[in-house]
Each structure stands twice: as structure tokens, then as C-alpha cells.
């Protein structure tokens, strides 16, 4: 995705569990690696404090036993074509979860000045 882009894009949200794995590693980490390797502009991983999925099993941080598999949401914004191109690979990686797509209007995308200069 080009830097400084604005306009219509696609927002993809991937809902998985914290304990989900792919090739021996946390699935959310593998998804971030995939999107970075594919040159997506960025990815955000959000850890939920509670929720339930298709089996209606409650996952919450309030009960220690249930806090080991909290909800994770991975968000990516890019062009519709780029999002569509990665879906077959996601199908192979994600055993159980939910993927949603929606239109997003990007009004700003730019790195911090320190990042643009290569500073950490």
C-alpha cells in the first residue's frame, strides 16, 4: 500500500482466540508476519477482555481458567484487491474464527516524523 494514501479502502477484521496457533506459534503473530511480508501498510492486534464465539463459550479475564483464551481481533486496512488476494491463505491458517470486511474511508495515513527519519 502506498504511503500517504487516502480514500476508499477495505477494513478486514479477523476474530480469533488468544490460544489459537498456526505452525506452532500464536496465530495472531503469524497473521502479523504474513501481512508484513505481503507489504500491507499496517496491522493492529487487539486483545479483548471478554466475549464468546460460535460455541457460545464465555471467555473473560474475570475467571482465571477462562482468561487463557481471550478474544483477539486483528485489523488490516488495504485495497479490496489486496485483501481478497490474502483470503485463501487466511482460510488455510485459521481453523476457527470470523473474518469481516467493510468499506473504510481513510482520511489520513502517515508515519510519525521520527519513523520517517528512521529513528526508533
Protein backbone atom coordinates (compact mmCIF):
# COMPACT_ATOMS: atom_id res chain seq x y z
CA UNK A 1 0.00 0.00 0.00
CA UNK A 2 1.40 3.37 -0.90
CA UNK A 3 2.32 5.80 1.87
CA UNK A 4 0.10 8.83 2.35
CA UNK A 5 -2.93 7.16 0.75
CA UNK A 6 -6.46 8.39 1.34
CA UNK A 7 -9.85 7.42 0.01
CA UNK A 8 -11.90 4.24 -0.12
CA UNK A 9 -10.22 1.12 1.27
CA UNK A 10 -11.32 -2.15 2.85
CA UNK A 11 -11.13 -2.87 6.57
CA UNK A 12 -10.70 -6.54 7.41
CA UNK A 13 -11.28 -7.74 10.97
CA UNK A 14 -10.21 -11.22 11.99
CA UNK A 15 -11.72 -12.55 15.23
CA UNK A 16 -9.77 -15.42 16.78
CA UNK A 17 -8.79 -16.72 20.22
CA UNK A 18 -5.59 -15.95 22.05
CA UNK A 19 -4.74 -19.66 22.28
CA UNK A 20 -5.17 -20.27 18.51
CA UNK A 21 -1.94 -21.41 16.88
CA UNK A 22 -0.51 -21.91 13.41
CA UNK A 23 2.65 -23.92 12.79
CA UNK A 24 3.46 -23.94 16.50
CA UNK A 25 3.22 -20.16 17.01
CA UNK A 26 0.38 -17.90 18.18
CA UNK A 27 -1.93 -17.36 15.21
CA UNK A 28 -2.15 -13.60 15.71
CA UNK A 29 1.66 -13.34 15.48
CA UNK A 30 1.67 -15.42 12.30
CA UNK A 31 -1.02 -13.18 10.79
CA UNK A 32 1.03 -10.05 11.57
CA UNK A 33 4.07 -11.66 9.93
CA UNK A 34 2.02 -12.57 6.86
CA UNK A 35 0.66 -9.04 6.40
CA UNK A 36 4.11 -7.52 6.89
CA UNK A 37 5.66 -9.96 4.40
CA UNK A 38 2.93 -9.12 1.88
CA UNK A 39 3.65 -5.38 2.24
CA UNK A 40 0.41 -4.27 3.87
CA UNK A 41 0.57 -0.77 5.34
CA UNK A 42 -0.05 -1.94 8.89
CA UNK A 43 -1.85 -4.35 11.18
CA UNK A 44 -3.26 -3.88 14.66
CA UNK A 45 -3.86 -6.68 17.15
CA UNK A 46 -6.43 -6.02 19.87
CA UNK A 47 -6.86 -8.23 22.93
CA UNK A 48 -10.40 -8.32 24.29
CA UNK A 49 -11.41 -8.61 27.92
CA UNK A 50 -14.33 -10.89 27.16
CA UNK A 51 -16.60 -12.39 24.56
CA UNK A 52 -17.94 -15.60 23.04
CA UNK A 53 -17.97 -17.18 19.61
CA UNK A 54 -19.80 -19.85 17.64
CA UNK A 55 -19.86 -22.32 20.56
CA UNK A 56 -21.23 -19.64 22.95
CA UNK A 57 -18.44 -20.47 25.42
CA UNK A 58 -17.70 -17.38 27.50
CA UNK A 59 -14.11 -16.10 27.52
CA UNK A 60 -13.37 -13.49 30.15
CA UNK A 61 -10.47 -12.06 32.12
CA UNK A 62 -12.55 -12.27 35.32
CA UNK A 63 -12.13 -16.03 35.78
CA UNK A 64 -8.55 -17.32 35.71
CA UNK A 65 -9.49 -20.59 34.00
CA UNK A 66 -11.26 -18.76 31.16
CA UNK A 67 -8.68 -15.98 30.81
CA UNK A 68 -6.26 -18.24 28.94
CA UNK A 69 -8.15 -17.85 25.65
CA UNK A 70 -9.26 -14.22 25.46
CA UNK A 71 -10.64 -12.81 22.21
CA UNK A 72 -8.15 -11.36 19.72
CA UNK A 73 -9.08 -9.04 16.84
CA UNK A 74 -6.58 -8.44 14.04
CA UNK A 75 -7.37 -5.39 11.90
CA UNK A 76 -5.94 -4.59 8.49
CA UNK A 77 -6.78 -1.76 6.06
CA UNK A 78 -5.79 -2.01 2.41
CA UNK A 79 -7.28 -2.10 -1.07
CA UNK A 80 -10.07 -4.56 -1.80
CA UNK A 81 -7.85 -6.43 -4.26
CA UNK A 82 -5.01 -6.88 -1.77
CA UNK A 83 -7.41 -8.04 0.95
CA UNK A 84 -9.07 -10.50 -1.44
CA UNK A 85 -5.69 -11.87 -2.53
CA UNK A 86 -4.78 -12.94 1.01
CA UNK A 87 -8.12 -14.62 1.87
CA UNK A 88 -7.17 -18.11 0.56
CA UNK A 89 -4.09 -18.10 2.77
CA UNK A 90 -6.15 -16.98 5.78
CA UNK A 91 -8.56 -19.84 5.11
CA UNK A 92 -5.64 -22.24 5.39
CA UNK A 93 -4.30 -20.64 8.59
CA UNK A 94 -7.48 -20.03 10.59
CA UNK A 95 -9.16 -23.14 11.96
CA UNK A 96 -11.99 -21.36 13.77
CA UNK A 97 -12.90 -17.69 13.86
CA UNK A 98 -14.67 -14.93 11.98
CA UNK A 99 -13.50 -12.59 9.23
CA UNK A 100 -15.44 -9.47 8.32
CA UNK A 101 -14.88 -6.92 5.56
CA UNK A 102 -16.24 -3.42 5.36
CA UNK A 103 -15.60 -0.26 3.42
CA UNK A 104 -13.45 2.30 5.16
CA UNK A 105 -12.73 5.88 4.16
CA UNK A 106 -9.12 6.66 5.01
CA UNK A 107 -8.66 10.33 5.80
CA UNK A 108 -5.04 10.14 6.96
CA UNK A 109 -2.20 7.64 6.87
CA UNK A 110 1.36 8.71 7.57
CA UNK A 111 4.25 7.63 9.77
CA UNK A 112 5.41 9.58 12.79
CA UNK A 113 8.16 12.03 11.85
CA UNK A 114 10.74 10.03 13.84
CA UNK A 115 9.81 6.86 11.92
CA UNK A 116 10.09 8.69 8.61
CA UNK A 117 13.66 9.72 9.56
CA UNK A 118 14.50 6.13 10.60
CA UNK A 119 14.63 6.84 14.34
CA UNK A 120 13.27 4.42 16.92
